[in-house]
C-alpha atoms as a PDB file:
ATOM      1  CA  MET A   1      14.671  21.204   0.091  1.00  0.00           C
ATOM      2  CA  LEU A   2      17.384  21.248   2.515  1.00  0.00           C
ATOM      3  CA  VAL A   3      19.914  24.456   2.652  1.00  0.00           C
ATOM      4  CA  LYS A   4      22.718  24.026   4.648  1.00  0.00           C
ATOM      5  CA  ALA A   5      25.238  27.618   5.620  1.00  0.00           C
ATOM      6  CA  ASN A   6      27.598  26.034   8.247  1.00  0.00           C
ATOM      7  CA  ALA A   7      31.012  26.454   6.668  1.00  0.00           C
ATOM      8  CA  ASP A   8      31.669  22.692   8.264  1.00  0.00           C
ATOM      9  CA  GLU A   9      28.984  21.001   6.776  1.00  0.00           C
ATOM     10  CA  ILE A  10      28.820  22.728   3.441  1.00  0.00           C
ATOM     11  CA  GLN A  11      33.202  22.200   2.938  1.00  0.00           C
ATOM     12  CA  SER A  12      32.488  18.652   0.863  1.00  0.00           C
ATOM     13  CA  PHE A  13      30.796  20.150  -1.709  1.00  0.00           C
ATOM     14  CA  LEU A  14      33.664  22.968  -2.421  1.00  0.00           C
ATOM     15  CA  SER A  15      36.343  20.332  -4.315  1.00  0.00           C
ATOM     16  CA  ASP A  16      36.740  17.835  -6.238  1.00  0.00           C
ATOM     17  CA  ALA A  17      39.101  15.620  -7.700  1.00  0.00           C
ATOM     18  CA  SER A  18      41.029  18.087  -9.210  1.00  0.00           C
ATOM     19  CA  TYR A  19      44.003  19.650  -7.681  1.00  0.00           C
ATOM     20  CA  MET A  20      42.135  23.450  -7.214  1.00  0.00           C
ATOM     21  CA  LYS A  21      42.473  24.449  -4.154  1.00  0.00           C
ATOM     22  CA  LYS A  22      39.024  25.028  -1.885  1.00  0.00           C
ATOM     23  CA  GLY A  23      36.432  27.322  -2.943  1.00  0.00           C
ATOM     24  CA  HIS A  24      33.944  28.936  -1.061  1.00  0.00           C
ATOM     25  CA  ALA A  25      29.679  29.529  -1.362  1.00  0.00           C
ATOM     26  CA  ASP A  26      27.388  31.191   1.092  1.00  0.00           C
ATOM     27  CA  ARG A  27      25.363  27.968   1.088  1.00  0.00           C
ATOM     28  CA  VAL A  28      24.650  24.536  -0.033  1.00  0.00           C
ATOM     29  CA  VAL A  29      20.881  23.828  -1.535  1.00  0.00           C
ATOM     30  CA  LEU A  30      19.929  20.364  -1.673  1.00  0.00           C
ATOM     31  CA  PRO A  31      16.825  20.473  -3.836  1.00  0.00           C
ATOM     32  CA  GLU A  32      14.781  17.592  -4.102  1.00  0.00           C
ATOM     33  CA  SER A  33      12.178  17.934  -7.690  1.00  0.00           C
ATOM     34  CA  VAL A  34      12.334  19.922 -10.461  1.00  0.00           C
ATOM     35  CA  GLU A  35      10.993  22.871  -8.884  1.00  0.00           C
ATOM     36  CA  ASP A  36      12.912  23.796  -6.250  1.00  0.00           C
ATOM     37  CA  VAL A  37      15.480  23.830  -8.651  1.00  0.00           C
ATOM     38  CA  ALA A  38      14.147  26.347 -10.649  1.00  0.00           C
ATOM     39  CA  SER A  39      12.812  28.343  -7.580  1.00  0.00           C
ATOM     40  CA  VAL A  40      16.732  28.496  -6.511  1.00  0.00           C
ATOM     41  CA  VAL A  41      17.564  29.334 -10.125  1.00  0.00           C
ATOM     42  CA  PHE A  42      14.909  32.076 -10.677  1.00  0.00           C
ATOM     43  CA  GLU A  43      15.734  33.673  -7.305  1.00  0.00           C
ATOM     44  CA  ALA A  44      19.493  33.664  -8.046  1.00  0.00           C
ATOM     45  CA  ASN A  45      18.727  35.145 -11.355  1.00  0.00           C
ATOM     46  CA  GLN A  46      17.274  38.137  -9.508  1.00  0.00           C
ATOM     47  CA  SER A  47      19.920  38.495  -6.961  1.00  0.00           C
ATOM     48  CA  CYS A  48      22.305  38.155  -9.346  1.00  0.00           C
ATOM     49  CA  THR A  49      23.715  35.305  -7.120  1.00  0.00           C
ATOM     50  CA  PRO A  50      26.304  32.867  -9.340  1.00  0.00           C
ATOM     51  CA  VAL A  51      25.395  29.017  -8.874  1.00  0.00           C
ATOM     52  CA  THR A  52      27.296  26.518  -8.858  1.00  0.00           C
ATOM     53  CA  VAL A  53      26.280  22.608 -10.126  1.00  0.00           C
ATOM     54  CA  SER A  54      27.585  20.311  -7.707  1.00  0.00           C
ATOM     55  CA  GLY A  55      27.185  16.714  -8.680  1.00  0.00           C
ATOM     56  CA  ALA A  56      29.658  13.762  -6.959  1.00  0.00           C
ATOM     57  CA  GLY A  57      32.683  15.755  -7.001  1.00  0.00           C
ATOM     58  CA  THR A  58      34.545  13.367  -8.947  1.00  0.00           C
ATOM     59  CA  GLY A  59      35.625  15.794 -12.469  1.00  0.00           C
ATOM     60  CA  THR A  60      38.940  16.724 -12.793  1.00  0.00           C
ATOM     61  CA  VAL A  61      38.491  19.778 -14.089  1.00  0.00           C
ATOM     62  CA  GLY A  62      37.717  21.635 -10.938  1.00  0.00           C
ATOM     63  CA  GLY A  63      33.454  22.002 -12.762  1.00  0.00           C
ATOM     64  CA  ARG A  64      31.981  21.844  -8.997  1.00  0.00           C
ATOM     65  CA  VAL A  65      34.784  24.179  -7.149  1.00  0.00           C
ATOM     66  CA  ALA A  66      32.605  27.047  -6.366  1.00  0.00           C
ATOM     67  CA  PHE A  67      33.737  31.100  -6.001  1.00  0.00           C
ATOM     68  CA  GLY A  68      31.026  32.666  -4.028  1.00  0.00           C
ATOM     69  CA  GLY A  69      27.375  32.697  -4.478  1.00  0.00           C
ATOM     70  CA  ILE A  70      24.812  29.485  -4.208  1.00  0.00           C
ATOM     71  CA  VAL A  71      26.089  25.728  -4.911  1.00  0.00           C
ATOM     72  CA  LEU A  72      23.391  23.551  -6.146  1.00  0.00           C
ATOM     73  CA  ALA A  73      24.033  19.756  -4.870  1.00  0.00           C
ATOM     74  CA  THR A  74      21.998  16.931  -6.939  1.00  0.00           C
ATOM     75  CA  ASP A  75      22.683  14.867  -4.236  1.00  0.00           C
ATOM     76  CA  LYS A  76      18.566  14.496  -3.297  1.00  0.00           C
ATOM     77  CA  LEU A  77      18.233  14.793  -7.377  1.00  0.00           C
ATOM     78  CA  ASN A  78      18.590  11.200  -7.364  1.00  0.00           C
ATOM     79  CA  GLN A  79      14.966   9.092  -9.096  1.00  0.00           C
ATOM     80  CA  ILE A  80      15.035   6.852 -12.182  1.00  0.00           C
ATOM     81  CA  LYS A  81      11.734   8.139 -13.733  1.00  0.00           C
ATOM     82  CA  SER A  82      11.366   5.835 -16.268  1.00  0.00           C
ATOM     83  CA  VAL A  83      12.651   2.779 -18.621  1.00  0.00           C
ATOM     84  CA  VAL A  84      11.313   2.408 -22.060  1.00  0.00           C
ATOM     85  CA  ARG A  85      12.702  -0.615 -24.115  1.00  0.00           C
ATOM     86  CA  SER A  86      11.342   0.266 -27.351  1.00  0.00           C
ATOM     87  CA  LYS A  87      12.642  -2.282 -29.388  1.00  0.00           C
ATOM     88  CA  GLN A  88      15.714  -5.911 -28.510  1.00  0.00           C
ATOM     89  CA  ASN A  89      18.327  -4.277 -26.545  1.00  0.00           C
ATOM     90  CA  GLU A  90      17.251  -0.557 -27.098  1.00  0.00           C
ATOM     91  CA  GLY A  91      15.298   1.893 -25.728  1.00  0.00           C
ATOM     92  CA  HIS A  92      15.652   5.005 -23.058  1.00  0.00           C
ATOM     93  CA  ALA A  93      15.860   6.125 -19.708  1.00  0.00           C
ATOM     94  CA  THR A  94      14.883   9.604 -18.066  1.00  0.00           C
ATOM     95  CA  ALA A  95      16.668   9.590 -14.913  1.00  0.00           C
ATOM     96  CA  GLU A  96      17.260  13.110 -12.496  1.00  0.00           C
ATOM     97  CA  ALA A  97      21.097  14.356 -12.407  1.00  0.00           C
ATOM     98  CA  GLY A  98      21.683  12.793  -8.813  1.00  0.00           C
ATOM     99  CA  VAL A  99      21.570   8.971 -10.176  1.00  0.00           C
ATOM    100  CA  ILE A 100      24.578   7.246  -9.532  1.00  0.00           C
ATOM    101  CA  LEU A 101      25.830   5.360 -12.436  1.00  0.00           C
ATOM    102  CA  SER A 102      26.830   2.098 -10.969  1.00  0.00           C
END
């Protein structure tokens, strides 16, 4: 799991496509597994630290703009876990939160 706390390194995680001003955070955490996510959320809960989930930054309503605490960035959660075809032209996929849809 990668943790960034340098102000210059985390600036790109503190805004999105909305017109909201940039937020602020103590650090950005880039988990690489579900277990990493659980660990970050557990520790944040124990210390009453807010967590803001950060996706690609394309949202237009400010959902990724943090105002303190930890930014949990999904960038490294980018694996397609399974693709199942149940019938012709039907099925489903299980993917992590950071998978790019293109």
